Each structure stands twice: as structure tokens, then as C-alpha cells.
Amino acid sequence: MDLDLQQLRALSVAVSEGTLDAAARVLHVTPSAVSQRLRALEVATGQVLLVRSRPVRVTEAGRPVLRLARQVELLLTDTAAELDLSEDGGRASPLPVAVNADSLATWVLPALQPLAADLFFRLYREDERRTSDLLRDGTVLAAVSTDAEPVAGCRVVPLGAMRYRPTAAPAFAARWFPDGPDPASLARAPVVTFDRDDPLQRAYLDAHRARSGPPLEPPVHFVPSSADFVAAVRLGFGWGMVPDLQADDDRTAGALVDLDPDGAVDVALHWQQWQLRSPALDRLGEALIAAARRALVQGPAKS
């Protein structure tokens, strides 16, 4: 199978940008030219690779071709750097990386800062339980994930764990939990959660329900932003499972109380990246692994 580099590039950029019009602007061609390149790639592979929705969506058959396109882009970027060639006015192609929201809000950006002068990043914020899916479909080159099993073609490195504690503002704790959290108070006290897929608050509630009693269903505030989640807890919207890394920062220190010192939970994180000989990808991985091992909890996890 003989695949054209421009056609692979069109697929990669269309997925990154979300539409053929946006891809055309990045590639400095017309939307019709992007469409023709994609169609030619589909003819060459004999498969429909992309659903032309908004945003575009990779088909099952398109996933391995997208992985190939991203790998080719990475190798071209590395080669250009070694030859001191510039592309797009000196800008390398951004490295696509999937990161969970709490890591992005705490330790990841400081780790990337020393690299930001000569490497560029396309960060995908995704739940840590789903970031490995973005590796499988070729959307990203690497990911911070809870998945300890390597995705096919990837290597995995343990990073440590983010420790979460049930916390609340002092006035909220005094009102709703004067004697500490128990099934009765947890059933009434409002709770802050990231989204409907966030398992941490639900796991704490399930662990503290009355034996053989019904599930605890308190009123819920949904706040789908890591920084705003902590702000909502700090402002007394409800209690929530807050990472130590955010509870201890300058904006929050002293503004939250630990409702249950024995209720801490560790979420183990891993670094997964494609097994490619790539200086850029290796620099990225080395920086994030080193930073994680400074910032995250090392050793046996609490659960």
C-alpha cells in the first residue's frame, strides 16, 4: 500500500482541527483540496476513514491510518530539527498529549514550561480513565492515564498517585457535619462533582452508606473544571474530593477542612507513550515522569 504524505497530513490536521474548513486554513489550501486528499486516501486504503460530521470523527478503519499519520508527522518534525530546517515559519508540529484535568491544573504545565520554547503541545483534557482511548485511536502520541496495561505499540511508566480527600469549607462543615460525615448527614449535604462520570464522590458515598441501606443521593452541583471545582468547594457549594495538590496551594490553603482523615483515596497514574525513536517525544516523557515523581504520592496507594 503506497500512501501519500500530503494525504496523511490532511487526515491528521482534519482530526486535530475538527472540520475540513479549519484544516484547509492550517494547510493553506482550499477545503475542496482537503476533501480530495482525504478521498484519495480512502481510495488508496479501500476504507472510509473519516465521518464528515462537525467535528469530524475517525472511523474504526481510520484509527490505524491516523496513528500512522501522527507517527509520520512526529518523525518529520524530529528530522527537521536534526537538520536545522524550519517548517511553517519555524514552528514544529504540536505534540498531541492527553492529560486529566486535575493533573493539568497542578503539576503538568510547570513540567512542560522548560520545553515550551522549542516544543509545541496540543493538550487534550480528558478523564484519566479514558485518555488511553485517545492513544488507541491515534488522536494523541502520549497520555497520563490510570491504565497500567500498555496500549498496543506503547510503553507505560508508573508516575505515582494523586491523593484526594473529602473536604469542605469550614462553615459548610460546621453546618452539615458537626459530628463528622455519617450516612444521615451525607444523604442531606450538597456535594460538588466534576461531571456524571466522576467516580470519587460516588465511591465515598457508597462506602459510607448504612449497611444494606439504600444508596445515598444528596443534592449535586456539577462543576466541570478542575480549578472551578475546588473554588466551588471553597465557597461552600458543597463538599468534594479535592486533590492534596490543590488543597495545599496558596489560593486554597486554610480555606478547606478535611472531613475524614481516614477517607483519603489515591488515584494511581501512568505515563503511556508510543514506542517510537523520537527525541521530541522522549524529552516530553522524561520531563513529565520527573515532575510526576516529585509532585505525586509515591509508594503504596490508599484506597
Protein backbone atom coordinates (compact mmCIF):
# COMPACT_ATOMS: atom_id res chain seq x y z
CA MET A 1 0.00 0.00 0.00
CA ASP A 2 1.50 3.32 -1.13
CA LEU A 3 0.20 6.25 0.96
CA ASP A 4 0.83 9.89 0.11
CA LEU A 5 2.32 12.16 2.80
CA GLN A 6 0.04 15.07 1.92
CA GLN A 7 -2.99 12.84 2.24
CA LEU A 8 -1.86 11.55 5.64
CA ARG A 9 -1.24 15.12 6.74
CA ALA A 10 -4.75 16.10 5.63
CA LEU A 11 -6.23 13.33 7.78
CA SER A 12 -4.18 14.30 10.83
CA VAL A 13 -4.95 18.02 10.58
CA ALA A 14 -8.65 17.44 9.88
CA VAL A 15 -8.95 15.40 13.09
CA SER A 16 -6.95 17.95 15.11
CA GLU A 17 -8.90 20.94 13.82
CA GLY A 18 -12.31 19.30 13.75
CA THR A 19 -13.50 20.49 10.33
CA LEU A 20 -12.25 20.46 6.76
CA ASP A 21 -12.50 24.26 6.59
CA ALA A 22 -10.22 24.63 9.62
CA ALA A 23 -7.82 22.04 8.23
CA ALA A 24 -7.69 23.95 4.96
CA ARG A 25 -6.62 27.11 6.79
CA VAL A 26 -3.79 25.25 8.56
CA LEU A 27 -2.63 23.57 5.34
CA HIS A 28 -3.01 26.76 3.25
CA VAL A 29 -5.20 25.03 0.67
CA THR A 30 -8.90 25.08 -0.16
CA PRO A 31 -11.45 22.91 1.68
CA SER A 32 -12.02 21.18 -1.64
CA ALA A 33 -8.34 20.22 -1.80
CA VAL A 34 -8.51 18.77 1.72
CA SER A 35 -11.59 16.79 0.77
CA GLN A 36 -9.88 15.48 -2.38
CA ARG A 37 -6.81 14.37 -0.41
CA LEU A 38 -8.97 12.57 2.12
CA ARG A 39 -10.97 10.89 -0.61
CA ALA A 40 -7.78 9.79 -2.35
CA LEU A 41 -6.50 8.33 0.93
CA GLU A 42 -9.76 6.43 1.35
CA VAL A 43 -9.48 5.10 -2.19
CA ALA A 44 -5.88 4.01 -1.52
CA THR A 45 -6.87 2.15 1.66
CA GLY A 46 -10.21 0.93 0.39
CA GLN A 47 -11.86 2.14 3.60
CA VAL A 48 -13.98 5.04 4.84
CA LEU A 49 -11.59 6.75 7.26
CA LEU A 50 -13.48 9.83 8.39
CA VAL A 51 -17.08 10.69 9.16
CA ARG A 52 -17.62 14.23 7.80
CA SER A 53 -19.51 15.44 10.88
CA ARG A 54 -18.83 18.55 12.98
CA PRO A 55 -16.38 17.82 14.43
CA VAL A 56 -15.13 15.12 12.08
CA ARG A 57 -14.88 11.65 13.57
CA VAL A 58 -12.39 8.88 12.80
CA THR A 59 -13.92 5.54 11.85
CA GLU A 60 -12.66 2.23 13.23
CA ALA A 61 -10.79 1.66 9.96
CA GLY A 62 -9.36 5.17 10.17
CA ARG A 63 -7.70 4.68 13.56
CA PRO A 64 -4.60 2.80 12.37
CA VAL A 65 -4.21 5.23 9.46
CA LEU A 66 -4.44 8.19 11.85
CA ARG A 67 -1.82 6.57 14.09
CA LEU A 68 0.43 6.22 11.05
CA ALA A 69 -0.18 9.85 10.08
CA ARG A 70 0.74 11.06 13.58
CA GLN A 71 3.85 8.89 13.66
CA VAL A 72 4.97 10.23 10.28
CA GLU A 73 4.41 13.82 11.47
CA LEU A 74 6.49 13.19 14.57
CA LEU A 75 9.35 11.64 12.58
CA LEU A 76 9.30 14.53 10.09
CA THR A 77 9.41 17.05 12.96
CA ASP A 78 12.37 15.24 14.55
CA THR A 79 14.21 15.05 11.23
CA ALA A 80 13.65 18.75 10.54
CA ALA A 81 15.01 19.59 13.99
CA GLU A 82 18.12 17.47 13.45
CA LEU A 83 18.75 19.10 10.07
CA ASP A 84 18.00 22.56 11.49
CA LEU A 85 15.20 23.01 8.98
CA SER A 86 12.19 25.15 9.75
CA GLU A 87 8.61 24.25 8.93
CA ASP A 88 5.64 26.62 8.99
CA GLY A 89 7.88 29.59 9.72
CA GLY A 90 9.96 27.76 12.30
CA ARG A 91 7.10 26.12 14.20
CA ALA A 92 7.22 22.37 14.74
CA SER A 93 4.02 20.34 14.61
CA PRO A 94 2.40 20.32 18.08
CA LEU A 95 2.79 17.12 20.06
CA PRO A 96 -0.72 15.82 20.88
CA VAL A 97 -0.94 14.66 24.52
CA ALA A 98 -3.93 13.60 26.64
CA VAL A 99 -3.97 14.74 30.28
CA ASN A 100 -6.58 14.52 33.01
CA ALA A 101 -7.99 17.80 34.33
CA ASP A 102 -6.53 17.65 37.84
CA SER A 103 -3.00 16.93 36.57
CA LEU A 104 -3.32 19.72 34.01
CA ALA A 105 -4.38 22.13 36.76
CA THR A 106 -1.46 21.23 39.05
CA TRP A 107 1.83 19.62 38.00
CA VAL A 108 1.75 19.17 34.21
CA LEU A 109 2.06 22.76 32.95
CA PRO A 110 5.06 23.61 35.19
CA ALA A 111 6.72 20.42 33.90
CA LEU A 112 6.18 21.47 30.28
CA GLN A 113 7.29 25.08 30.76
CA PRO A 114 11.04 24.45 30.24
CA LEU A 115 10.24 22.73 26.93
CA ALA A 116 7.84 25.36 25.63
CA ALA A 117 10.47 27.43 23.82
CA ASP A 118 11.16 24.76 21.19
CA LEU A 119 8.43 22.13 21.55
CA PHE A 120 4.75 22.80 20.99
CA PHE A 121 1.84 20.94 22.52
CA ARG A 122 -1.75 20.14 21.69
CA LEU A 123 -3.18 19.18 25.08
CA TYR A 124 -6.37 17.13 25.18
CA ARG A 125 -8.14 17.33 28.54
CA GLU A 126 -9.86 14.03 29.22
CA ASP A 127 -10.82 11.89 32.17
CA GLU A 128 -7.79 9.86 33.27
CA ARG A 129 -9.78 6.64 32.78
CA ARG A 130 -10.34 7.49 29.10
CA THR A 131 -7.06 9.08 27.98
CA SER A 132 -5.76 5.70 26.79
CA ASP A 133 -8.68 5.59 24.32
CA LEU A 134 -7.14 8.61 22.59
CA LEU A 135 -3.90 6.64 22.24
CA ARG A 136 -5.73 3.69 20.72
CA ASP A 137 -7.45 5.76 18.06
CA GLY A 138 -4.31 7.71 17.17
CA THR A 139 -5.52 11.09 18.42
CA VAL A 140 -2.53 11.52 20.76
CA LEU A 141 1.07 10.37 20.96
CA ALA A 142 1.12 10.03 24.75
CA ALA A 143 -1.19 10.20 27.73
CA VAL A 144 -1.43 10.44 31.51
CA SER A 145 -3.70 7.52 32.31
CA THR A 146 -4.97 5.27 35.07
CA ASP A 147 -4.45 2.33 32.70
CA ALA A 148 -1.43 0.28 33.81
CA GLU A 149 -1.78 -2.09 30.85
CA PRO A 150 0.13 -0.68 27.87
CA VAL A 151 -1.88 0.20 24.80
CA ALA A 152 -0.63 -1.79 21.81
CA GLY A 153 2.52 -0.14 20.49
CA CYS A 154 3.06 1.92 23.66
CA ARG A 155 5.24 1.71 26.73
CA VAL A 156 3.94 2.50 30.19
CA VAL A 157 5.72 4.04 33.20
CA PRO A 158 4.17 4.42 36.70
CA LEU A 159 4.03 8.07 37.77
CA GLY A 160 2.66 7.88 41.32
CA ALA A 161 -0.77 8.74 42.67
CA MET A 162 -2.90 11.82 43.16
CA ARG A 163 -4.31 11.78 46.69
CA TYR A 164 -7.87 13.04 47.16
CA ARG A 165 -9.57 13.89 50.45
CA PRO A 166 -13.21 14.67 51.32
CA THR A 167 -13.06 18.39 52.09
CA ALA A 168 -15.35 21.36 52.63
CA ALA A 169 -15.31 25.00 53.64
CA PRO A 170 -15.19 25.41 57.46
CA ALA A 171 -18.67 26.97 57.69
CA PHE A 172 -20.13 24.25 55.46
CA ALA A 173 -18.53 21.53 57.57
CA ALA A 174 -19.83 23.09 60.79
CA ARG A 175 -23.37 23.29 59.40
CA TRP A 176 -23.69 19.91 57.71
CA PHE A 177 -21.16 17.73 59.53
CA PRO A 178 -20.99 18.93 63.16
CA ASP A 179 -20.22 15.35 64.25
CA GLY A 180 -18.35 14.32 61.12
CA PRO A 181 -19.70 12.61 57.99
CA ASP A 182 -22.20 9.83 58.65
CA PRO A 183 -24.92 8.28 56.45
CA ALA A 184 -27.60 10.70 57.65
CA SER A 185 -25.55 13.87 57.08
CA LEU A 186 -24.07 12.63 53.79
CA ALA A 187 -27.58 11.98 52.47
CA ARG A 188 -28.53 15.64 53.02
CA ALA A 189 -25.34 17.65 52.50
CA PRO A 190 -24.83 19.05 48.97
CA VAL A 191 -21.89 17.59 47.06
CA VAL A 192 -19.77 19.03 44.25
CA THR A 193 -18.80 16.67 41.42
CA PHE A 194 -16.89 17.19 38.18
CA ASP A 195 -19.39 15.50 35.88
CA ARG A 196 -21.59 12.42 35.72
CA ASP A 197 -18.57 10.20 35.06
CA ASP A 198 -16.64 11.41 38.13
CA PRO A 199 -16.46 8.35 40.45
CA LEU A 200 -14.73 9.80 43.50
CA GLN A 201 -17.65 11.36 45.34
CA ARG A 202 -19.91 8.41 44.49
CA ALA A 203 -17.33 5.94 45.80
CA TYR A 204 -17.07 7.85 49.09
CA LEU A 205 -20.86 7.96 49.45
CA ASP A 206 -21.18 4.26 48.70
CA ALA A 207 -18.50 3.43 51.26
CA HIS A 208 -20.42 5.37 53.96
CA ARG A 209 -23.98 4.28 53.28
CA ALA A 210 -25.76 2.41 56.01
CA ARG A 211 -25.17 -1.32 55.84
CA SER A 212 -27.73 -2.83 53.43
CA GLY A 213 -29.34 0.63 53.22
CA PRO A 214 -30.30 2.45 50.00
CA PRO A 215 -27.68 4.44 48.04
CA LEU A 216 -27.07 7.95 49.33
CA GLU A 217 -28.43 10.52 46.87
CA PRO A 218 -27.62 14.03 48.12
CA PRO A 219 -28.20 17.17 46.01
CA VAL A 220 -25.36 17.67 43.50
CA HIS A 221 -23.58 20.63 41.90
CA PHE A 222 -21.83 19.73 38.62
CA VAL A 223 -18.71 21.86 38.04
CA PRO A 224 -16.71 20.52 35.03
CA SER A 225 -13.46 22.43 35.59
CA SER A 226 -10.72 21.42 37.97
CA ALA A 227 -9.95 24.89 39.31
CA ASP A 228 -13.63 25.87 39.48
CA PHE A 229 -14.48 22.59 41.21
CA VAL A 230 -12.11 23.48 44.06
CA ALA A 231 -13.39 27.06 44.08
CA ALA A 232 -16.97 25.80 44.44
CA VAL A 233 -15.98 23.65 47.42
CA ARG A 234 -14.06 26.55 48.94
CA LEU A 235 -17.08 28.84 48.51
CA GLY A 236 -19.37 26.41 50.32
CA PHE A 237 -21.41 25.00 47.42
CA GLY A 238 -20.85 21.53 48.84
CA TRP A 239 -18.20 19.05 49.90
CA GLY A 240 -15.98 17.28 47.37
CA MET A 241 -12.95 15.03 46.90
CA VAL A 242 -10.15 17.55 46.42
CA PRO A 243 -6.57 16.63 45.44
CA ASP A 244 -3.92 17.45 48.04
CA LEU A 245 -2.03 19.33 45.32
CA GLN A 246 -4.91 21.81 45.04
CA ALA A 247 -5.94 21.86 48.70
CA ASP A 248 -2.42 22.92 49.69
CA ASP A 249 -1.82 25.64 47.11
CA ASP A 250 -1.68 29.34 48.01
CA ARG A 251 -5.26 30.05 46.88
CA THR A 252 -6.82 27.28 48.95
CA ALA A 253 -4.56 26.62 51.94
CA GLY A 254 -6.52 27.19 55.15
CA ALA A 255 -9.82 27.62 53.30
CA LEU A 256 -10.76 23.92 53.42
CA VAL A 257 -11.06 21.35 56.18
CA ASP A 258 -10.51 17.61 55.91
CA LEU A 259 -13.83 15.98 56.77
CA ASP A 260 -12.44 12.50 57.24
CA PRO A 261 -8.68 11.95 57.77
CA ASP A 262 -9.18 8.24 57.10
CA GLY A 263 -11.11 8.88 53.89
CA ALA A 264 -8.20 9.74 51.59
CA VAL A 265 -8.12 7.91 48.24
CA ASP A 266 -5.18 7.59 45.85
CA VAL A 267 -5.67 7.50 42.09
CA ALA A 268 -2.63 5.85 40.51
CA LEU A 269 -1.45 7.46 37.28
CA HIS A 270 0.74 6.13 34.49
CA TRP A 271 2.54 7.63 31.53
CA GLN A 272 1.91 5.93 28.19
CA GLN A 273 3.69 6.93 25.00
CA TRP A 274 4.21 5.38 21.62
CA GLN A 275 7.36 3.28 21.22
CA LEU A 276 9.00 5.49 18.62
CA ARG A 277 12.58 6.68 18.48
CA SER A 278 11.72 10.35 18.82
CA PRO A 279 13.86 12.92 20.64
CA ALA A 280 10.88 15.28 21.00
CA LEU A 281 8.58 12.62 22.45
CA ASP A 282 11.33 11.32 24.73
CA ARG A 283 12.02 14.83 26.08
CA LEU A 284 8.34 15.26 26.78
CA GLY A 285 8.13 11.91 28.57
CA GLU A 286 11.26 12.46 30.64
CA ALA A 287 10.05 15.89 31.80
CA LEU A 288 6.60 14.65 32.83
CA ILE A 289 7.88 11.50 34.53
CA ALA A 290 10.40 13.50 36.58
CA ALA A 291 7.81 16.11 37.54
CA ALA A 292 5.21 13.50 38.49
CA ARG A 293 7.64 11.73 40.77
CA ARG A 294 8.26 15.00 42.60
CA ALA A 295 4.62 16.03 42.82
CA LEU A 296 2.65 12.80 43.21
CA VAL A 297 2.43 10.33 46.08
CA GLN A 298 4.95 7.53 45.72
CA GLY A 299 4.69 4.15 47.42
CA PRO A 300 1.64 2.07 48.45
CA ALA A 301 -1.67 3.63 47.40
CA LYS A 302 -4.55 4.37 49.77
CA SER A 303 -7.95 3.10 48.67
